[in-house]
Amino acid sequence: MKKDGPLREAEILITYGEDLTEEIIQKAANLKWIMVMSAGMEIMPFKAIEERGIMVTNARGIHKIPMAEYTIGMLLQYEKKLKLLMKNE
């Protein structure tokens, strides 16, 4: 079996996007979908992807709720002086 055999057979590729090259796109003959596990997709070979009609999705917005919760939590901690309260207990 060739070194890149599984890549040639793959229909779905999960990546962080930055490691994806035009060469990988060319080797992945059956590729139909690329899932990028981050929000940013700036460094990707979009021309090669578009030429092959490969669908690309990403994790955009995956952190929006946890970040909003964290922000509100920190605001409450600051406003209610929770660190001082814990120190004085």
PDB file of N, CA and C in Angstrom:
ATOM      1  N   MET A   1       0.846  -1.191   0.000  1.00  0.00           N
ATOM      2  CA  MET A   1       0.000   0.000   0.000  1.00  0.00           C
ATOM      3  C   MET A   1       0.888   1.250   0.000  1.00  0.00           C
ATOM      4  N   LYS A   2       0.512   2.220  -0.775  1.00  0.00           N
ATOM      5  CA  LYS A   2       1.275   3.465  -0.846  1.00  0.00           C
ATOM      6  C   LYS A   2       1.134   4.247   0.450  1.00  0.00           C
ATOM      7  N   LYS A   3       2.108   5.085   0.682  1.00  0.00           N
ATOM      8  CA  LYS A   3       2.150   5.901   1.892  1.00  0.00           C
ATOM      9  C   LYS A   3       0.901   6.770   2.055  1.00  0.00           C
ATOM     10  N   ASP A   4       0.399   7.328   0.970  1.00  0.00           N
ATOM     11  CA  ASP A   4      -0.761   8.212   1.044  1.00  0.00           C
ATOM     12  C   ASP A   4      -2.047   7.505   0.630  1.00  0.00           C
ATOM     13  N   GLY A   5      -2.085   6.170   0.706  1.00  0.00           N
ATOM     14  CA  GLY A   5      -3.266   5.388   0.336  1.00  0.00           C
ATOM     15  C   GLY A   5      -4.551   5.828   1.015  1.00  0.00           C
ATOM     16  N   PRO A   6      -4.572   5.935   2.358  1.00  0.00           N
ATOM     17  CA  PRO A   6      -5.798   6.377   3.029  1.00  0.00           C
ATOM     18  C   PRO A   6      -6.253   7.766   2.579  1.00  0.00           C
ATOM     19  N   LEU A   7      -5.301   8.642   2.305  1.00  0.00           N
ATOM     20  CA  LEU A   7      -5.642   9.986   1.830  1.00  0.00           C
ATOM     21  C   LEU A   7      -6.333   9.918   0.476  1.00  0.00           C
ATOM     22  N   ARG A   8      -5.868   9.055  -0.407  1.00  0.00           N
ATOM     23  CA  ARG A   8      -6.482   8.905  -1.738  1.00  0.00           C
ATOM     24  C   ARG A   8      -7.919   8.415  -1.639  1.00  0.00           C
ATOM     25  N   GLU A   9      -8.213   7.619  -0.625  1.00  0.00           N
ATOM     26  CA  GLU A   9      -9.553   7.044  -0.469  1.00  0.00           C
ATOM     27  C   GLU A   9     -10.501   7.930   0.336  1.00  0.00           C
ATOM     28  N   ALA A  10      -9.964   8.865   1.098  1.00  0.00           N
ATOM     29  CA  ALA A  10     -10.766   9.669   2.023  1.00  0.00           C
ATOM     30  C   ALA A  10     -11.805  10.527   1.308  1.00  0.00           C
ATOM     31  N   GLU A  11     -13.008  10.547   1.862  1.00  0.00           N
ATOM     32  CA  GLU A  11     -14.073  11.428   1.375  1.00  0.00           C
ATOM     33  C   GLU A  11     -14.219  12.649   2.272  1.00  0.00           C
ATOM     34  N   ILE A  12     -13.797  12.509   3.524  1.00  0.00           N
ATOM     35  CA  ILE A  12     -13.887  13.596   4.503  1.00  0.00           C
ATOM     36  C   ILE A  12     -12.514  13.794   5.126  1.00  0.00           C
ATOM     37  N   LEU A  13     -12.107  15.065   5.267  1.00  0.00           N
ATOM     38  CA  LEU A  13     -10.829  15.394   5.879  1.00  0.00           C
ATOM     39  C   LEU A  13     -11.085  16.366   7.022  1.00  0.00           C
ATOM     40  N   ILE A  14     -10.602  16.011   8.208  1.00  0.00           N
ATOM     41  CA  ILE A  14     -10.725  16.881   9.376  1.00  0.00           C
ATOM     42  C   ILE A  14      -9.351  17.473   9.640  1.00  0.00           C
ATOM     43  N   THR A  15      -9.281  18.796   9.735  1.00  0.00           N
ATOM     44  CA  THR A  15      -7.996  19.490   9.808  1.00  0.00           C
ATOM     45  C   THR A  15      -8.154  20.784  10.597  1.00  0.00           C
ATOM     46  N   TYR A  16      -7.028  21.393  10.939  1.00  0.00           N
ATOM     47  CA  TYR A  16      -7.041  22.745  11.494  1.00  0.00           C
ATOM     48  C   TYR A  16      -6.870  23.785  10.398  1.00  0.00           C
ATOM     49  N   GLY A  17      -6.711  23.335   9.157  1.00  0.00           N
ATOM     50  CA  GLY A  17      -6.668  24.229   8.007  1.00  0.00           C
ATOM     51  C   GLY A  17      -5.287  24.693   7.611  1.00  0.00           C
ATOM     52  N   GLU A  18      -4.460  25.042   8.578  1.00  0.00           N
ATOM     53  CA  GLU A  18      -3.131  25.574   8.280  1.00  0.00           C
ATOM     54  C   GLU A  18      -2.198  24.515   7.704  1.00  0.00           C
ATOM     55  N   ASP A  19      -2.477  23.248   7.976  1.00  0.00           N
ATOM     56  CA  ASP A  19      -1.631  22.163   7.481  1.00  0.00           C
ATOM     57  C   ASP A  19      -2.077  21.653   6.111  1.00  0.00           C
ATOM     58  N   LEU A  20      -3.143  22.187   5.587  1.00  0.00           N
ATOM     59  CA  LEU A  20      -3.705  21.741   4.320  1.00  0.00           C
ATOM     60  C   LEU A  20      -2.994  22.424   3.152  1.00  0.00           C
ATOM     61  N   THR A  21      -2.544  21.621   2.189  1.00  0.00           N
ATOM     62  CA  THR A  21      -1.824  22.165   1.024  1.00  0.00           C
ATOM     63  C   THR A  21      -2.528  21.738  -0.265  1.00  0.00           C
ATOM     64  N   GLU A  22      -2.158  22.386  -1.355  1.00  0.00           N
ATOM     65  CA  GLU A  22      -2.697  22.028  -2.666  1.00  0.00           C
ATOM     66  C   GLU A  22      -2.327  20.582  -3.012  1.00  0.00           C
ATOM     67  N   GLU A  23      -1.137  20.161  -2.611  1.00  0.00           N
ATOM     68  CA  GLU A  23      -0.693  18.785  -2.862  1.00  0.00           C
ATOM     69  C   GLU A  23      -1.607  17.770  -2.168  1.00  0.00           C
ATOM     70  N   ILE A  24      -2.007  18.061  -0.949  1.00  0.00           N
ATOM     71  CA  ILE A  24      -2.923  17.167  -0.230  1.00  0.00           C
ATOM     72  C   ILE A  24      -4.260  17.104  -0.951  1.00  0.00           C
ATOM     73  N   ILE A  25      -4.753  18.246  -1.403  1.00  0.00           N
ATOM     74  CA  ILE A  25      -6.026  18.290  -2.133  1.00  0.00           C
ATOM     75  C   ILE A  25      -5.935  17.432  -3.402  1.00  0.00           C
ATOM     76  N   GLN A  26      -4.836  17.523  -4.097  1.00  0.00           N
ATOM     77  CA  GLN A  26      -4.659  16.746  -5.329  1.00  0.00           C
ATOM     78  C   GLN A  26      -4.587  15.247  -5.041  1.00  0.00           C
ATOM     79  N   LYS A  27      -3.925  14.860  -3.966  1.00  0.00           N
ATOM     80  CA  LYS A  27      -3.791  13.438  -3.623  1.00  0.00           C
ATOM     81  C   LYS A  27      -5.116  12.825  -3.162  1.00  0.00           C
ATOM     82  N   ALA A  28      -5.967  13.622  -2.560  1.00  0.00           N
ATOM     83  CA  ALA A  28      -7.233  13.131  -2.024  1.00  0.00           C
ATOM     84  C   ALA A  28      -8.274  13.080  -3.144  1.00  0.00           C
ATOM     85  N   ALA A  29      -8.187  12.062  -3.966  1.00  0.00           N
ATOM     86  CA  ALA A  29      -9.010  11.957  -5.181  1.00  0.00           C
ATOM     87  C   ALA A  29     -10.504  11.881  -4.907  1.00  0.00           C
ATOM     88  N   ASN A  30     -10.918  11.322  -3.783  1.00  0.00           N
ATOM     89  CA  ASN A  30     -12.342  11.140  -3.470  1.00  0.00           C
ATOM     90  C   ASN A  30     -12.886  12.180  -2.499  1.00  0.00           C
ATOM     91  N   LEU A  31     -12.091  13.192  -2.191  1.00  0.00           N
ATOM     92  CA  LEU A  31     -12.464  14.162  -1.163  1.00  0.00           C
ATOM     93  C   LEU A  31     -13.711  14.953  -1.553  1.00  0.00           C
ATOM     94  N   LYS A  32     -14.673  14.983  -0.619  1.00  0.00           N
ATOM     95  CA  LYS A  32     -15.940  15.699  -0.831  1.00  0.00           C
ATOM     96  C   LYS A  32     -16.171  16.798   0.208  1.00  0.00           C
ATOM     97  N   TRP A  33     -15.543  16.633   1.383  1.00  0.00           N
ATOM     98  CA  TRP A  33     -15.835  17.552   2.475  1.00  0.00           C
ATOM     99  C   TRP A  33     -14.583  17.763   3.317  1.00  0.00           C
ATOM    100  N   ILE A  34     -14.280  19.025   3.633  1.00  0.00           N
ATOM    101  CA  ILE A  34     -13.197  19.377   4.539  1.00  0.00           C
ATOM    102  C   ILE A  34     -13.819  20.078   5.745  1.00  0.00           C
ATOM    103  N   MET A  35     -13.588  19.506   6.934  1.00  0.00           N
ATOM    104  CA  MET A  35     -14.060  20.108   8.177  1.00  0.00           C
ATOM    105  C   MET A  35     -12.871  20.726   8.881  1.00  0.00           C
ATOM    106  N   VAL A  36     -12.885  22.056   9.031  1.00  0.00           N
ATOM    107  CA  VAL A  36     -11.805  22.781   9.695  1.00  0.00           C
ATOM    108  C   VAL A  36     -12.206  22.963  11.157  1.00  0.00           C
ATOM    109  N   MET A  37     -11.381  22.453  12.068  1.00  0.00           N
ATOM    110  CA  MET A  37     -11.705  22.440  13.489  1.00  0.00           C
ATOM    111  C   MET A  37     -11.382  23.755  14.203  1.00  0.00           C
ATOM    112  N   SER A  38     -11.248  24.818  13.456  1.00  0.00           N
ATOM    113  CA  SER A  38     -11.039  26.143  14.035  1.00  0.00           C
ATOM    114  C   SER A  38     -11.921  27.132  13.279  1.00  0.00           C
ATOM    115  N   ALA A  39     -11.962  28.348  13.756  1.00  0.00           N
ATOM    116  CA  ALA A  39     -12.778  29.356  13.084  1.00  0.00           C
ATOM    117  C   ALA A  39     -12.056  29.938  11.872  1.00  0.00           C
ATOM    118  N   GLY A  40     -10.757  30.143  12.000  1.00  0.00           N
ATOM    119  CA  GLY A  40      -9.984  30.764  10.923  1.00  0.00           C
ATOM    120  C   GLY A  40      -9.675  29.812   9.787  1.00  0.00           C
ATOM    121  N   MET A  41      -9.814  30.330   8.564  1.00  0.00           N
ATOM    122  CA  MET A  41      -9.529  29.515   7.385  1.00  0.00           C
ATOM    123  C   MET A  41      -8.712  30.320   6.370  1.00  0.00           C
ATOM    124  N   GLU A  42      -7.938  31.276   6.850  1.00  0.00           N
ATOM    125  CA  GLU A  42      -7.218  32.172   5.953  1.00  0.00           C
ATOM    126  C   GLU A  42      -6.140  31.465   5.134  1.00  0.00           C
ATOM    127  N   ILE A  43      -5.465  30.493   5.740  1.00  0.00           N
ATOM    128  CA  ILE A  43      -4.319  29.842   5.086  1.00  0.00           C
ATOM    129  C   ILE A  43      -4.762  28.485   4.549  1.00  0.00           C
ATOM    130  N   MET A  44      -5.484  28.501   3.446  1.00  0.00           N
ATOM    131  CA  MET A  44      -5.952  27.259   2.826  1.00  0.00           C
ATOM    132  C   MET A  44      -5.894  27.400   1.309  1.00  0.00           C
ATOM    133  N   PRO A  45      -5.695  26.311   0.598  1.00  0.00           N
ATOM    134  CA  PRO A  45      -5.622  26.365  -0.874  1.00  0.00           C
ATOM    135  C   PRO A  45      -7.022  26.408  -1.502  1.00  0.00           C
ATOM    136  N   PHE A  46      -7.687  27.560  -1.355  1.00  0.00           N
ATOM    137  CA  PHE A  46      -9.076  27.667  -1.792  1.00  0.00           C
ATOM    138  C   PHE A  46      -9.268  27.478  -3.295  1.00  0.00           C
ATOM    139  N   LYS A  47      -8.299  27.870  -4.091  1.00  0.00           N
ATOM    140  CA  LYS A  47      -8.438  27.702  -5.536  1.00  0.00           C
ATOM    141  C   LYS A  47      -8.562  26.214  -5.883  1.00  0.00           C
ATOM    142  N   ALA A  48      -7.678  25.388  -5.339  1.00  0.00           N
ATOM    143  CA  ALA A  48      -7.713  23.938  -5.586  1.00  0.00           C
ATOM    144  C   ALA A  48      -8.988  23.318  -5.033  1.00  0.00           C
ATOM    145  N   ILE A  49      -9.436  23.803  -3.886  1.00  0.00           N
ATOM    146  CA  ILE A  49     -10.664  23.288  -3.266  1.00  0.00           C
ATOM    147  C   ILE A  49     -11.872  23.623  -4.139  1.00  0.00           C
ATOM    148  N   GLU A  50     -11.933  24.861  -4.587  1.00  0.00           N
ATOM    149  CA  GLU A  50     -13.054  25.305  -5.423  1.00  0.00           C
ATOM    150  C   GLU A  50     -13.087  24.564  -6.760  1.00  0.00           C
ATOM    151  N   GLU A  51     -11.913  24.361  -7.366  1.00  0.00           N
ATOM    152  CA  GLU A  51     -11.847  23.649  -8.646  1.00  0.00           C
ATOM    153  C   GLU A  51     -12.422  22.240  -8.539  1.00  0.00           C
ATOM    154  N   ARG A  52     -12.261  21.621  -7.390  1.00  0.00           N
ATOM    155  CA  ARG A  52     -12.758  20.258  -7.182  1.00  0.00           C
ATOM    156  C   ARG A  52     -14.186  20.235  -6.642  1.00  0.00           C
ATOM    157  N   GLY A  53     -14.735  21.382  -6.284  1.00  0.00           N
ATOM    158  CA  GLY A  53     -16.097  21.439  -5.763  1.00  0.00           C
ATOM    159  C   GLY A  53     -16.238  20.802  -4.392  1.00  0.00           C
ATOM    160  N   ILE A  54     -15.194  20.912  -3.584  1.00  0.00           N
ATOM    161  CA  ILE A  54     -15.186  20.307  -2.250  1.00  0.00           C
ATOM    162  C   ILE A  54     -15.871  21.253  -1.263  1.00  0.00           C
ATOM    163  N   MET A  55     -16.780  20.707  -0.459  1.00  0.00           N
ATOM    164  CA  MET A  55     -17.460  21.489   0.569  1.00  0.00           C
ATOM    165  C   MET A  55     -16.501  21.729   1.732  1.00  0.00           C
ATOM    166  N   VAL A  56     -16.498  22.954   2.259  1.00  0.00           N
ATOM    167  CA  VAL A  56     -15.655  23.301   3.408  1.00  0.00           C
ATOM    168  C   VAL A  56     -16.552  23.878   4.501  1.00  0.00           C
ATOM    169  N   THR A  57     -16.413  23.331   5.708  1.00  0.00           N
ATOM    170  CA  THR A  57     -17.117  23.869   6.876  1.00  0.00           C
ATOM    171  C   THR A  57     -16.082  24.119   7.963  1.00  0.00           C
ATOM    172  N   ASN A  58     -16.451  24.950   8.937  1.00  0.00           N
ATOM    173  CA  ASN A  58     -15.534  25.221  10.042  1.00  0.00           C
ATOM    174  C   ASN A  58     -16.295  25.331  11.356  1.00  0.00           C
ATOM    175  N   ALA A  59     -15.568  25.608  12.422  1.00  0.00           N
ATOM    176  CA  ALA A  59     -16.142  25.649  13.760  1.00  0.00           C
ATOM    177  C   ALA A  59     -16.453  27.080  14.197  1.00  0.00           C
ATOM    178  N   ARG A  60     -16.772  27.922  13.252  1.00  0.00           N
ATOM    179  CA  ARG A  60     -17.071  29.330  13.559  1.00  0.00           C
ATOM    180  C   ARG A  60     -18.185  29.414  14.604  1.00  0.00           C
ATOM    181  N   GLY A  61     -17.962  30.206  15.615  1.00  0.00           N
ATOM    182  CA  GLY A  61     -18.962  30.429  16.646  1.00  0.00           C
ATOM    183  C   GLY A  61     -18.969  29.394  17.754  1.00  0.00           C
ATOM    184  N   ILE A  62     -18.070  28.423  17.695  1.00  0.00           N
ATOM    185  CA  ILE A  62     -18.084  27.336  18.670  1.00  0.00           C
ATOM    186  C   ILE A  62     -17.862  27.828  20.107  1.00  0.00           C
ATOM    187  N   HIS A  63     -17.171  28.942  20.268  1.00  0.00           N
ATOM    188  CA  HIS A  63     -16.840  29.430  21.609  1.00  0.00           C
ATOM    189  C   HIS A  63     -17.686  30.623  22.044  1.00  0.00           C
ATOM    190  N   LYS A  64     -18.669  31.023  21.244  1.00  0.00           N
ATOM    191  CA  LYS A  64     -19.371  32.266  21.562  1.00  0.00           C
ATOM    192  C   LYS A  64     -20.139  32.192  22.887  1.00  0.00           C
ATOM    193  N   ILE A  65     -20.806  31.106  23.191  1.00  0.00           N
ATOM    194  CA  ILE A  65     -21.561  31.002  24.446  1.00  0.00           C
ATOM    195  C   ILE A  65     -20.624  30.871  25.645  1.00  0.00           C
ATOM    196  N   PRO A  66     -19.619  29.968  25.614  1.00  0.00           N
ATOM    197  CA  PRO A  66     -18.701  29.911  26.758  1.00  0.00           C
ATOM    198  C   PRO A  66     -17.972  31.229  27.018  1.00  0.00           C
ATOM    199  N   MET A  67     -17.599  31.958  25.963  1.00  0.00           N
ATOM    200  CA  MET A  67     -16.909  33.232  26.166  1.00  0.00           C
ATOM    201  C   MET A  67     -17.848  34.281  26.765  1.00  0.00           C
ATOM    202  N   ALA A  68     -19.094  34.286  26.336  1.00  0.00           N
ATOM    203  CA  ALA A  68     -20.060  35.223  26.910  1.00  0.00           C
ATOM    204  C   ALA A  68     -20.299  34.897  28.391  1.00  0.00           C
ATOM    205  N   GLU A  69     -20.415  33.612  28.704  1.00  0.00           N
ATOM    206  CA  GLU A  69     -20.607  33.203  30.104  1.00  0.00           C
ATOM    207  C   GLU A  69     -19.400  33.588  30.958  1.00  0.00           C
ATOM    208  N   TYR A  70     -18.210  33.371  30.424  1.00  0.00           N
ATOM    209  CA  TYR A  70     -16.992  33.721  31.144  1.00  0.00           C
ATOM    210  C   TYR A  70     -16.944  35.224  31.412  1.00  0.00           C
ATOM    211  N   THR A  71     -17.274  36.018  30.406  1.00  0.00           N
ATOM    212  CA  THR A  71     -17.246  37.474  30.549  1.00  0.00           C
ATOM    213  C   THR A  71     -18.213  37.938  31.633  1.00  0.00           C
ATOM    214  N   ILE A  72     -19.421  37.422  31.606  1.00  0.00           N
ATOM    215  CA  ILE A  72     -20.411  37.803  32.626  1.00  0.00           C
ATOM    216  C   ILE A  72     -19.947  37.354  34.008  1.00  0.00           C
ATOM    217  N   GLY A  73     -19.381  36.158  34.081  1.00  0.00           N
ATOM    218  CA  GLY A  73     -18.858  35.658  35.355  1.00  0.00           C
ATOM    219  C   GLY A  73     -17.763  36.552  35.916  1.00  0.00           C
ATOM    220  N   MET A  74     -16.845  36.979  35.044  1.00  0.00           N
ATOM    221  CA  MET A  74     -15.764  37.861  35.497  1.00  0.00           C
ATOM    222  C   MET A  74     -16.300  39.223  35.926  1.00  0.00           C
ATOM    223  N   LEU A  75     -17.302  39.733  35.207  1.00  0.00           N
ATOM    224  CA  LEU A  75     -17.909  41.011  35.605  1.00  0.00           C
ATOM    225  C   LEU A  75     -18.552  40.906  36.982  1.00  0.00           C
ATOM    226  N   LEU A  76     -19.262  39.812  37.225  1.00  0.00           N
ATOM    227  CA  LEU A  76     -19.889  39.611  38.534  1.00  0.00           C
ATOM    228  C   LEU A  76     -18.834  39.449  39.627  1.00  0.00           C
ATOM    229  N   GLN A  77     -17.793  38.690  39.332  1.00  0.00           N
ATOM    230  CA  GLN A  77     -16.717  38.491  40.302  1.00  0.00           C
ATOM    231  C   GLN A  77     -16.097  39.825  40.690  1.00  0.00           C
ATOM    232  N   TYR A  78     -15.850  40.671  39.685  1.00  0.00           N
ATOM    233  CA  TYR A  78     -15.244  41.976  39.941  1.00  0.00           C
ATOM    234  C   TYR A  78     -16.203  42.884  40.721  1.00  0.00           C
ATOM    235  N   GLU A  79     -17.426  42.968  40.253  1.00  0.00           N
ATOM    236  CA  GLU A  79     -18.398  43.879  40.857  1.00  0.00           C
ATOM    237  C   GLU A  79     -18.735  43.483  42.299  1.00  0.00           C
ATOM    238  N   LYS A  80     -18.830  42.199  42.565  1.00  0.00           N
ATOM    239  CA  LYS A  80     -19.196  41.712  43.904  1.00  0.00           C
ATOM    240  C   LYS A  80     -17.971  41.474  44.791  1.00  0.00           C
ATOM    241  N   LYS A  81     -16.795  41.775  44.246  1.00  0.00           N
ATOM    242  CA  LYS A  81     -15.540  41.641  44.996  1.00  0.00           C
ATOM    243  C   LYS A  81     -15.414  40.243  45.603  1.00  0.00           C
ATOM    244  N   LEU A  82     -15.611  39.224  44.782  1.00  0.00           N
ATOM    245  CA  LEU A  82     -15.606  37.856  45.286  1.00  0.00           C
ATOM    246  C   LEU A  82     -14.223  37.410  45.779  1.00  0.00           C
ATOM    247  N   LYS A  83     -13.158  37.914  45.196  1.00  0.00           N
ATOM    248  CA  LYS A  83     -11.816  37.556  45.684  1.00  0.00           C
ATOM    249  C   LYS A  83     -11.597  38.081  47.103  1.00  0.00           C
ATOM    250  N   LEU A  84     -12.042  39.309  47.357  1.00  0.00           N
ATOM    251  CA  LEU A  84     -11.940  39.883  48.699  1.00  0.00           C
ATOM    252  C   LEU A  84     -12.816  39.093  49.683  1.00  0.00           C
ATOM    253  N   LEU A  85     -14.004  38.710  49.239  1.00  0.00           N
ATOM    254  CA  LEU A  85     -14.906  37.933  50.085  1.00  0.00           C
ATOM    255  C   LEU A  85     -14.248  36.609  50.472  1.00  0.00           C
ATOM    256  N   MET A  86     -13.643  35.928  49.512  1.00  0.00           N
ATOM    257  CA  MET A  86     -13.002  34.652  49.787  1.00  0.00           C
ATOM    258  C   MET A  86     -11.798  34.843  50.720  1.00  0.00           C
ATOM    259  N   LYS A  87     -11.042  35.932  50.517  1.00  0.00           N
ATOM    260  CA  LYS A  87      -9.888  36.214  51.368  1.00  0.00           C
ATOM    261  C   LYS A  87     -10.318  36.462  52.807  1.00  0.00           C
ATOM    262  N   ASN A  88     -11.432  37.159  52.974  1.00  0.00           N
ATOM    263  CA  ASN A  88     -11.910  37.528  54.319  1.00  0.00           C
ATOM    264  C   ASN A  88     -12.650  36.389  55.038  1.00  0.00           C
ATOM    265  N   GLU A  89     -12.972  35.330  54.282  1.00  0.00           N
ATOM    266  CA  GLU A  89     -13.670  34.214  54.951  1.00  0.00           C
ATOM    267  C   GLU A  89     -12.741  33.588  55.895  1.00  0.00           C
TER     268      GLU A  89
END
